[in-house]
Amino acid sequence: MEILFKKTFRKLLEQDGQHAVSSAKLLSVIKISNKSQLSEAFIEYDTDKDYFIEEDIPLLMLLFLKPSNNNSKNIFATIRNWTEEKECFYQSQIGNDFNVVIENL
């Protein structure tokens, strides 16, 4: 399975801060009613101020665990537009590893 990103967001960087992770384990899927439930700080974190999250549509927050060489717990979240199909798919994949694919590379 793959999770696609439009660019190398800071949240995707390995601990060295130089390279994006190549995989991550899906930990949780959370349905969010709309963008108003997200803080500005979270939106900045999620988008690096470089991506627009639509206002009045349901969303999914996916929580992933990055691989670690030193057994640290490094988690990142990402927001996706909600559909029932997407929610069912991601719920069924909790605990599985995803290849992280950066589209601009």
C-alpha atoms as a PDB file:
ATOM      1  CA  MET A   1       0.000   0.000   0.000  1.00  0.00           C
ATOM      2  CA  GLU A   2       1.033   3.564  -0.655  1.00  0.00           C
ATOM      3  CA  ILE A   3       0.246   6.953   0.833  1.00  0.00           C
ATOM      4  CA  LEU A   4       0.871   9.824  -1.585  1.00  0.00           C
ATOM      5  CA  PHE A   5       2.095  13.333  -0.768  1.00  0.00           C
ATOM      6  CA  LYS A   6       2.443  16.294  -3.154  1.00  0.00           C
ATOM      7  CA  LYS A   7       5.845  17.297  -1.726  1.00  0.00           C
ATOM      8  CA  THR A   8       8.283  16.466   1.050  1.00  0.00           C
ATOM      9  CA  PHE A   9       6.432  17.973   4.012  1.00  0.00           C
ATOM     10  CA  ARG A  10       8.539  18.573   7.140  1.00  0.00           C
ATOM     11  CA  LYS A  11       6.432  16.052   9.080  1.00  0.00           C
ATOM     12  CA  LEU A  12       7.744  13.328   6.743  1.00  0.00           C
ATOM     13  CA  LEU A  13      11.417  13.916   7.495  1.00  0.00           C
ATOM     14  CA  GLU A  14      13.531  11.303   9.215  1.00  0.00           C
ATOM     15  CA  GLN A  15      15.303  12.211  12.446  1.00  0.00           C
ATOM     16  CA  ASP A  16      18.298  13.489  10.451  1.00  0.00           C
ATOM     17  CA  GLY A  17      16.037  16.185   8.984  1.00  0.00           C
ATOM     18  CA  GLN A  18      17.489  15.517   5.528  1.00  0.00           C
ATOM     19  CA  HIS A  19      15.421  12.729   3.985  1.00  0.00           C
ATOM     20  CA  ALA A  20      11.766  11.743   3.936  1.00  0.00           C
ATOM     21  CA  VAL A  21      10.764   8.417   5.441  1.00  0.00           C
ATOM     22  CA  SER A  22      10.066   5.713   2.901  1.00  0.00           C
ATOM     23  CA  SER A  23       7.428   3.911   4.949  1.00  0.00           C
ATOM     24  CA  ALA A  24       5.182   4.347   7.973  1.00  0.00           C
ATOM     25  CA  LYS A  25       2.731   2.221   9.974  1.00  0.00           C
ATOM     26  CA  LEU A  26      -0.912   3.365  10.125  1.00  0.00           C
ATOM     27  CA  LEU A  27      -1.920   3.703  13.781  1.00  0.00           C
ATOM     28  CA  SER A  28      -5.313   5.383  13.764  1.00  0.00           C
ATOM     29  CA  VAL A  29      -8.052   6.852  11.566  1.00  0.00           C
ATOM     30  CA  ILE A  30     -10.170   9.692  12.949  1.00  0.00           C
ATOM     31  CA  LYS A  31     -13.156  11.251  11.169  1.00  0.00           C
ATOM     32  CA  ILE A  32     -13.393  15.036  11.505  1.00  0.00           C
ATOM     33  CA  SER A  33     -16.578  16.953  10.672  1.00  0.00           C
ATOM     34  CA  ASN A  34     -14.796  19.805   8.910  1.00  0.00           C
ATOM     35  CA  LYS A  35     -11.781  22.112   8.910  1.00  0.00           C
ATOM     36  CA  SER A  36     -13.184  24.235  11.763  1.00  0.00           C
ATOM     37  CA  GLN A  37     -12.292  21.384  14.159  1.00  0.00           C
ATOM     38  CA  LEU A  38      -8.593  21.813  13.340  1.00  0.00           C
ATOM     39  CA  SER A  39      -6.462  24.470  15.002  1.00  0.00           C
ATOM     40  CA  GLU A  40      -4.458  26.903  12.884  1.00  0.00           C
ATOM     41  CA  ALA A  41      -1.304  25.411  14.450  1.00  0.00           C
ATOM     42  CA  PHE A  42      -2.319  21.931  13.273  1.00  0.00           C
ATOM     43  CA  ILE A  43      -3.165  23.171   9.764  1.00  0.00           C
ATOM     44  CA  GLU A  44       0.257  24.844   9.552  1.00  0.00           C
ATOM     45  CA  TYR A  45       1.904  21.607  10.739  1.00  0.00           C
ATOM     46  CA  ASP A  46      -0.057  19.491   8.263  1.00  0.00           C
ATOM     47  CA  THR A  47       0.342  21.706   5.204  1.00  0.00           C
ATOM     48  CA  ASP A  48       3.623  23.610   5.769  1.00  0.00           C
ATOM     49  CA  LYS A  49       1.445  26.616   4.752  1.00  0.00           C
ATOM     50  CA  ASP A  50       1.616  25.249   1.212  1.00  0.00           C
ATOM     51  CA  TYR A  51      -1.614  23.318   0.754  1.00  0.00           C
ATOM     52  CA  PHE A  52      -5.294  24.256   1.086  1.00  0.00           C
ATOM     53  CA  ILE A  53      -7.728  22.216   3.196  1.00  0.00           C
ATOM     54  CA  GLU A  54     -11.325  22.713   2.051  1.00  0.00           C
ATOM     55  CA  GLU A  55     -13.690  24.391   4.525  1.00  0.00           C
ATOM     56  CA  ASP A  56     -16.993  22.542   4.793  1.00  0.00           C
ATOM     57  CA  ILE A  57     -16.323  18.927   3.983  1.00  0.00           C
ATOM     58  CA  PRO A  58     -15.700  15.917   6.226  1.00  0.00           C
ATOM     59  CA  LEU A  59     -12.066  14.937   6.680  1.00  0.00           C
ATOM     60  CA  LEU A  60     -10.001  12.002   7.862  1.00  0.00           C
ATOM     61  CA  MET A  61      -6.985  12.369  10.130  1.00  0.00           C
ATOM     62  CA  LEU A  62      -4.539   9.520   9.644  1.00  0.00           C
ATOM     63  CA  LEU A  63      -1.888   8.922  12.306  1.00  0.00           C
ATOM     64  CA  PHE A  64       1.296   7.149  11.258  1.00  0.00           C
ATOM     65  CA  LEU A  65       4.358   5.853  13.106  1.00  0.00           C
ATOM     66  CA  LYS A  66       7.686   6.511  11.395  1.00  0.00           C
ATOM     67  CA  PRO A  67      10.378   3.827  11.461  1.00  0.00           C
ATOM     68  CA  SER A  68      13.132   4.505  13.974  1.00  0.00           C
ATOM     69  CA  ASN A  69      16.699   3.296  14.447  1.00  0.00           C
ATOM     70  CA  ASN A  70      16.777   4.206  18.140  1.00  0.00           C
ATOM     71  CA  ASN A  71      13.334   2.850  19.124  1.00  0.00           C
ATOM     72  CA  SER A  72      11.879   6.377  19.519  1.00  0.00           C
ATOM     73  CA  LYS A  73       8.181   6.921  18.859  1.00  0.00           C
ATOM     74  CA  ASN A  74       7.898   9.469  16.093  1.00  0.00           C
ATOM     75  CA  ILE A  75       4.326   9.992  14.896  1.00  0.00           C
ATOM     76  CA  PHE A  76       2.963  12.177  12.110  1.00  0.00           C
ATOM     77  CA  ALA A  77      -0.586  13.008  11.096  1.00  0.00           C
ATOM     78  CA  THR A  78      -2.023  13.788   7.700  1.00  0.00           C
ATOM     79  CA  ILE A  79      -5.435  15.047   6.625  1.00  0.00           C
ATOM     80  CA  ARG A  80      -7.370  13.575   3.708  1.00  0.00           C
ATOM     81  CA  ASN A  81     -10.807  14.389   2.310  1.00  0.00           C
ATOM     82  CA  TRP A  82     -13.354  11.928   3.715  1.00  0.00           C
ATOM     83  CA  THR A  83     -15.352   9.438   1.733  1.00  0.00           C
ATOM     84  CA  GLU A  84     -17.000   6.382   3.207  1.00  0.00           C
ATOM     85  CA  GLU A  85     -14.859   4.215   0.947  1.00  0.00           C
ATOM     86  CA  LYS A  86     -11.623   5.881   2.134  1.00  0.00           C
ATOM     87  CA  GLU A  87     -12.629   5.576   5.777  1.00  0.00           C
ATOM     88  CA  CYS A  88     -13.424   1.866   5.408  1.00  0.00           C
ATOM     89  CA  PHE A  89     -10.184   1.256   3.531  1.00  0.00           C
ATOM     90  CA  TYR A  90      -7.950   3.026   6.047  1.00  0.00           C
ATOM     91  CA  GLN A  91      -9.775   1.472   9.015  1.00  0.00           C
ATOM     92  CA  SER A  92      -9.101  -1.958   7.520  1.00  0.00           C
ATOM     93  CA  GLN A  93      -5.397  -1.106   7.149  1.00  0.00           C
ATOM     94  CA  ILE A  94      -4.663  -0.032  10.742  1.00  0.00           C
ATOM     95  CA  GLY A  95      -1.433  -1.704  11.834  1.00  0.00           C
ATOM     96  CA  ASN A  96      -0.133  -2.091   8.287  1.00  0.00           C
ATOM     97  CA  ASP A  97       2.886  -0.407   6.734  1.00  0.00           C
ATOM     98  CA  PHE A  98       2.461   2.063   3.870  1.00  0.00           C
ATOM     99  CA  ASN A  99       5.115   3.121   1.386  1.00  0.00           C
ATOM    100  CA  VAL A 100       5.447   6.909   1.552  1.00  0.00           C
ATOM    101  CA  VAL A 101       5.485   8.275  -2.000  1.00  0.00           C
ATOM    102  CA  ILE A 102       6.386  11.895  -2.726  1.00  0.00           C
ATOM    103  CA  GLU A 103       4.886  12.840  -6.099  1.00  0.00           C
ATOM    104  CA  ASN A 104       7.434  15.561  -6.938  1.00  0.00           C
ATOM    105  CA  LEU A 105      10.442  13.222  -6.696  1.00  0.00           C
END
